[in-house]
Amino acid sequence: MNICSLRIDDREVAVQTGTSLLDAIRSAGLNIPTLCHLDGLSAVAACRLCLVELEGTDKLQAACVSTVKEGMRVKTQTPKLKEIRRSVIELLFTEGNHICAVCVANGHCELQNLAVEVGMDHSRMPYRFPERSVDLSHHRFGLDHNRCILCTRCVRVCDEVEGAHVWDVGWRGEHCRIISGLAEPWGAVQACTDCGKCVEVCPTGALFNKGQTSEEKQGHPERLKALVEARTHQRWQP
């Protein structure tokens, strides 16, 4: 086994060669925020919250898609990084319609938790209040585009674990959104297996079980653990 030594926030760390920088940071007992990342799914660096500074370059790197290198020196908690993370959270709130008080994930929302963590008690940017739809065509689940942050967890879990590939990303720029099938109503997509994995991995209240009201959507750590194991073993059952 090849071992790689690096320095992270003044801590000497030794990990296996090929380890992601995010895993190396966490193995050192340090924490940096993520929204799009989920163990067991491919890394896509969509949220940009895990950006870190590397000695020798001015370019910030996303830790989830970067691998460790011998002698690497990494900073994870500089004032510049903290300001970027707060700004990212502010942008996620202002570009959507996140009304926490009436959200099914209120109190159990990863976006909400990170807003507290980065110290976002208000937005310094104007809210856009976009007109977005809610898809309730599925007989078990619902999709609220107002709360979607385009982390693509649902896309990846459906493709990489369930193998159904119901979800994808459509359009561009401010019109970009998650689509089911070929931009069909979710309930009309025959490929959907009703497994609920997409609902389970959604970090906000964008995907939810019908019948849930505010604060009723909660994560299930054991089900998420089983989901991760399902990628290399047998299919996970809801």
Protein backbone atom coordinates (compact mmCIF):
# COMPACT_ATOMS: atom_id res chain seq x y z
CA MET A 1 0.00 0.00 0.00
CA ASN A 2 1.45 3.38 -1.03
CA ILE A 3 1.15 6.10 1.59
CA CYS A 4 0.99 9.81 0.83
CA SER A 5 1.95 12.43 3.43
CA LEU A 6 0.53 15.94 3.39
CA ARG A 7 -0.18 18.84 5.71
CA ILE A 8 -3.75 20.03 6.31
CA ASP A 9 -4.29 23.11 8.48
CA ASP A 10 -0.98 22.54 10.29
CA ARG A 11 -1.75 18.84 10.83
CA GLU A 12 0.44 16.12 9.41
CA VAL A 13 -1.74 13.55 7.65
CA ALA A 14 -0.83 10.22 6.05
CA VAL A 15 -3.37 8.52 3.77
CA GLN A 16 -3.37 5.99 0.98
CA THR A 17 -2.34 7.27 -2.43
CA GLY A 18 -5.39 8.02 -4.55
CA THR A 19 -7.52 9.15 -1.58
CA SER A 20 -9.71 12.14 -2.27
CA LEU A 21 -8.69 15.33 -0.55
CA LEU A 22 -12.11 15.50 1.11
CA ASP A 23 -11.63 12.06 2.66
CA ALA A 24 -8.12 13.03 3.79
CA ILE A 25 -9.46 16.17 5.46
CA ARG A 26 -12.14 14.20 7.27
CA SER A 27 -9.66 11.50 8.30
CA ALA A 28 -7.71 14.23 10.10
CA GLY A 29 -10.77 15.02 12.19
CA LEU A 30 -11.45 18.24 10.28
CA ASN A 31 -14.70 19.25 8.67
CA ILE A 32 -15.61 21.31 5.63
CA PRO A 33 -19.18 21.80 4.40
CA THR A 34 -20.65 19.89 1.45
CA LEU A 35 -24.11 19.67 -0.10
CA CYS A 36 -23.70 17.74 -3.34
CA HIS A 37 -21.34 15.11 -1.92
CA LEU A 38 -22.65 11.81 -0.56
CA ASP A 39 -20.51 8.78 0.24
CA GLY A 40 -21.21 6.01 -2.25
CA LEU A 41 -22.09 8.34 -5.13
CA SER A 42 -19.74 9.83 -7.71
CA ALA A 43 -18.26 13.23 -6.90
CA VAL A 44 -19.30 16.14 -9.12
CA ALA A 45 -18.21 19.31 -7.27
CA ALA A 46 -21.56 20.97 -7.98
CA CYS A 47 -22.01 22.98 -4.78
CA ARG A 48 -18.43 24.38 -4.54
CA LEU A 49 -18.64 24.45 -0.74
CA CYS A 50 -15.63 22.18 -0.25
CA LEU A 51 -13.18 24.54 -1.96
CA VAL A 52 -9.74 24.63 -0.33
CA GLU A 53 -6.53 26.58 -0.79
CA LEU A 54 -3.37 24.77 -1.92
CA GLU A 55 0.10 26.12 -1.37
CA GLY A 56 1.77 27.10 -4.65
CA THR A 57 -1.36 28.03 -6.59
CA ASP A 58 -3.95 30.80 -6.44
CA LYS A 59 -6.61 28.52 -7.92
CA LEU A 60 -9.04 27.10 -5.38
CA GLN A 61 -9.70 23.37 -5.63
CA ALA A 62 -12.83 21.36 -4.84
CA ALA A 63 -11.73 18.79 -2.27
CA CYS A 64 -14.27 16.15 -3.34
CA VAL A 65 -12.79 15.78 -6.85
CA SER A 66 -9.13 16.37 -5.97
CA THR A 67 -6.72 13.61 -4.96
CA VAL A 68 -3.93 13.90 -2.44
CA LYS A 69 -0.33 14.43 -3.52
CA GLU A 70 2.89 13.91 -1.62
CA GLY A 71 3.94 17.05 0.25
CA MET A 72 0.66 18.87 -0.46
CA ARG A 73 -0.11 21.74 1.92
CA VAL A 74 -3.81 22.50 2.32
CA LYS A 75 -5.77 25.25 4.05
CA THR A 76 -9.48 24.68 4.72
CA GLN A 77 -10.55 27.50 7.04
CA THR A 78 -9.05 30.75 5.76
CA PRO A 79 -11.09 34.00 5.84
CA LYS A 80 -11.30 33.86 2.02
CA LEU A 81 -12.81 30.36 2.06
CA LYS A 82 -15.25 31.23 4.83
CA GLU A 83 -16.47 34.25 2.87
CA ILE A 84 -16.90 32.14 -0.29
CA ARG A 85 -18.91 29.51 1.59
CA ARG A 86 -21.22 32.09 3.09
CA SER A 87 -21.70 33.69 -0.33
CA VAL A 88 -22.54 30.30 -1.89
CA ILE A 89 -25.19 29.65 0.76
CA GLU A 90 -26.63 33.13 0.26
CA LEU A 91 -26.84 32.57 -3.49
CA LEU A 92 -28.64 29.25 -3.00
CA PHE A 93 -31.24 30.98 -0.85
CA THR A 94 -31.70 34.02 -3.07
CA GLU A 95 -31.94 32.17 -6.40
CA GLY A 96 -34.75 29.91 -5.16
CA ASN A 97 -37.82 30.18 -2.94
CA HIS A 98 -36.76 28.69 0.38
CA ILE A 99 -39.50 29.46 2.90
CA CYS A 100 -38.21 27.39 5.81
CA ALA A 101 -41.22 27.86 8.09
CA VAL A 102 -43.53 25.96 5.73
CA CYS A 103 -41.01 23.46 4.35
CA VAL A 104 -41.30 19.72 4.99
CA ALA A 105 -37.56 19.66 5.81
CA ASN A 106 -37.59 22.56 8.26
CA GLY A 107 -35.30 21.63 11.15
CA HIS A 108 -33.88 18.68 9.20
CA CYS A 109 -32.50 20.50 6.15
CA GLU A 110 -28.82 20.40 5.20
CA LEU A 111 -29.01 23.80 3.50
CA GLN A 112 -30.62 25.31 6.58
CA ASN A 113 -28.01 23.74 8.87
CA LEU A 114 -25.15 25.06 6.74
CA ALA A 115 -26.64 28.56 6.77
CA VAL A 116 -26.29 28.46 10.55
CA GLU A 117 -22.81 26.97 10.33
CA VAL A 118 -21.43 29.65 8.00
CA GLY A 119 -23.11 32.47 9.92
CA MET A 120 -25.68 33.47 7.32
CA ASP A 121 -28.37 35.29 9.31
CA HIS A 122 -29.43 37.42 6.32
CA SER A 123 -28.69 37.74 2.62
CA ARG A 124 -26.60 40.59 1.30
CA MET A 125 -28.03 40.00 -2.18
CA PRO A 126 -31.57 40.62 -3.46
CA TYR A 127 -33.97 37.67 -3.69
CA ARG A 128 -34.99 36.71 -7.21
CA PHE A 129 -38.33 35.05 -6.37
CA PRO A 130 -38.42 32.91 -9.54
CA GLU A 131 -41.64 31.34 -10.77
CA ARG A 132 -41.15 27.59 -10.33
CA SER A 133 -43.55 24.69 -10.42
CA VAL A 134 -44.45 21.82 -8.11
CA ASP A 135 -44.88 18.32 -9.58
CA LEU A 136 -47.38 16.19 -7.66
CA SER A 137 -48.11 13.76 -10.49
CA HIS A 138 -46.39 10.81 -8.76
CA HIS A 139 -48.69 8.77 -6.55
CA ARG A 140 -46.20 8.58 -3.65
CA PHE A 141 -43.81 11.51 -3.94
CA GLY A 142 -43.68 15.18 -4.84
CA LEU A 143 -41.11 17.52 -6.38
CA ASP A 144 -40.94 21.20 -5.44
CA HIS A 145 -38.59 23.03 -7.81
CA ASN A 146 -38.67 26.06 -5.52
CA ARG A 147 -36.53 24.19 -2.99
CA CYS A 148 -34.17 22.42 -5.39
CA ILE A 149 -30.49 23.45 -5.20
CA LEU A 150 -29.32 21.35 -8.18
CA CYS A 151 -27.00 19.18 -6.10
CA THR A 152 -27.85 16.27 -8.49
CA ARG A 153 -27.86 13.70 -5.70
CA CYS A 154 -31.19 12.41 -7.01
CA VAL A 155 -29.77 12.10 -10.54
CA ARG A 156 -26.75 10.12 -9.37
CA VAL A 157 -28.49 7.81 -6.91
CA CYS A 158 -31.15 6.90 -9.48
CA ASP A 159 -28.51 6.22 -12.12
CA GLU A 160 -25.69 4.67 -10.07
CA VAL A 161 -27.60 2.72 -7.41
CA GLU A 162 -31.13 2.06 -8.66
CA GLY A 163 -30.15 1.92 -12.33
CA ALA A 164 -33.37 3.57 -13.49
CA HIS A 165 -32.02 6.95 -14.64
CA VAL A 166 -35.32 8.73 -14.14
CA TRP A 167 -33.68 12.07 -13.35
CA ASP A 168 -31.48 14.40 -15.34
CA VAL A 169 -30.64 18.11 -15.58
CA GLY A 170 -32.36 20.17 -18.24
CA TRP A 171 -31.85 23.65 -19.73
CA ARG A 172 -29.11 26.11 -18.80
CA GLY A 173 -28.28 29.07 -16.61
CA GLU A 174 -31.15 30.45 -14.53
CA HIS A 175 -33.56 28.10 -16.32
CA CYS A 176 -31.60 24.99 -15.30
CA ARG A 177 -33.66 22.47 -13.33
CA ILE A 178 -34.03 18.80 -12.52
CA ILE A 179 -36.23 16.93 -15.00
CA SER A 180 -37.81 13.50 -14.93
CA GLY A 181 -37.81 11.39 -18.08
CA LEU A 182 -37.77 13.63 -21.14
CA ALA A 183 -39.08 16.62 -19.17
CA GLU A 184 -42.30 14.69 -18.46
CA PRO A 185 -44.40 14.75 -15.28
CA TRP A 186 -42.77 12.45 -12.74
CA GLY A 187 -45.84 10.25 -12.53
CA ALA A 188 -45.74 9.62 -16.28
CA VAL A 189 -42.19 8.23 -16.29
CA GLN A 190 -42.52 4.44 -16.55
CA ALA A 191 -38.86 3.89 -15.66
CA CYS A 192 -39.50 5.06 -12.07
CA THR A 193 -39.46 2.08 -9.66
CA ASP A 194 -41.06 3.99 -6.73
CA CYS A 195 -37.99 3.13 -4.61
CA GLY A 196 -37.75 6.52 -2.91
CA LYS A 197 -33.95 6.72 -3.00
CA CYS A 198 -34.06 10.17 -4.58
CA VAL A 199 -36.28 11.42 -1.77
CA GLU A 200 -33.98 9.89 0.83
CA VAL A 201 -30.82 11.60 -0.46
CA CYS A 202 -32.34 15.04 -1.18
CA PRO A 203 -30.66 17.52 1.21
CA THR A 204 -33.62 19.93 1.21
CA GLY A 205 -37.40 19.63 0.93
CA ALA A 206 -37.36 19.54 -2.88
CA LEU A 207 -38.23 15.84 -3.00
CA PHE A 208 -40.66 14.62 -0.38
CA ASN A 209 -43.21 11.99 0.51
CA LYS A 210 -46.80 13.02 -0.15
CA GLY A 211 -48.71 13.73 3.02
CA GLN A 212 -45.75 15.23 4.83
CA THR A 213 -46.20 18.71 6.23
CA SER A 214 -43.71 21.22 7.65
CA GLU A 215 -40.84 19.72 9.68
CA GLU A 216 -41.94 16.12 9.02
CA LYS A 217 -39.24 15.10 6.52
CA GLN A 218 -36.34 13.52 8.42
CA GLY A 219 -33.31 11.62 7.24
CA HIS A 220 -32.74 7.97 8.17
CA PRO A 221 -29.00 7.32 8.74
CA GLU A 222 -29.38 3.54 8.60
CA ARG A 223 -31.17 3.72 5.26
CA LEU A 224 -28.47 6.00 3.89
CA LYS A 225 -25.83 3.55 5.09
CA ALA A 226 -27.68 0.73 3.35
CA LEU A 227 -27.92 2.86 0.22
CA VAL A 228 -24.14 3.33 0.13
CA GLU A 229 -23.57 -0.41 0.60
CA ALA A 230 -26.05 -1.15 -2.18
CA ARG A 231 -23.72 0.32 -4.77
CA THR A 232 -21.31 -2.57 -4.36
CA HIS A 233 -23.63 -5.25 -2.99
CA GLN A 234 -27.32 -5.94 -3.40
CA ARG A 235 -30.06 -3.45 -4.24
CA TRP A 236 -31.39 -1.40 -1.38
CA GLN A 237 -35.05 -1.75 -0.50
CA PRO A 238 -37.08 1.17 0.90
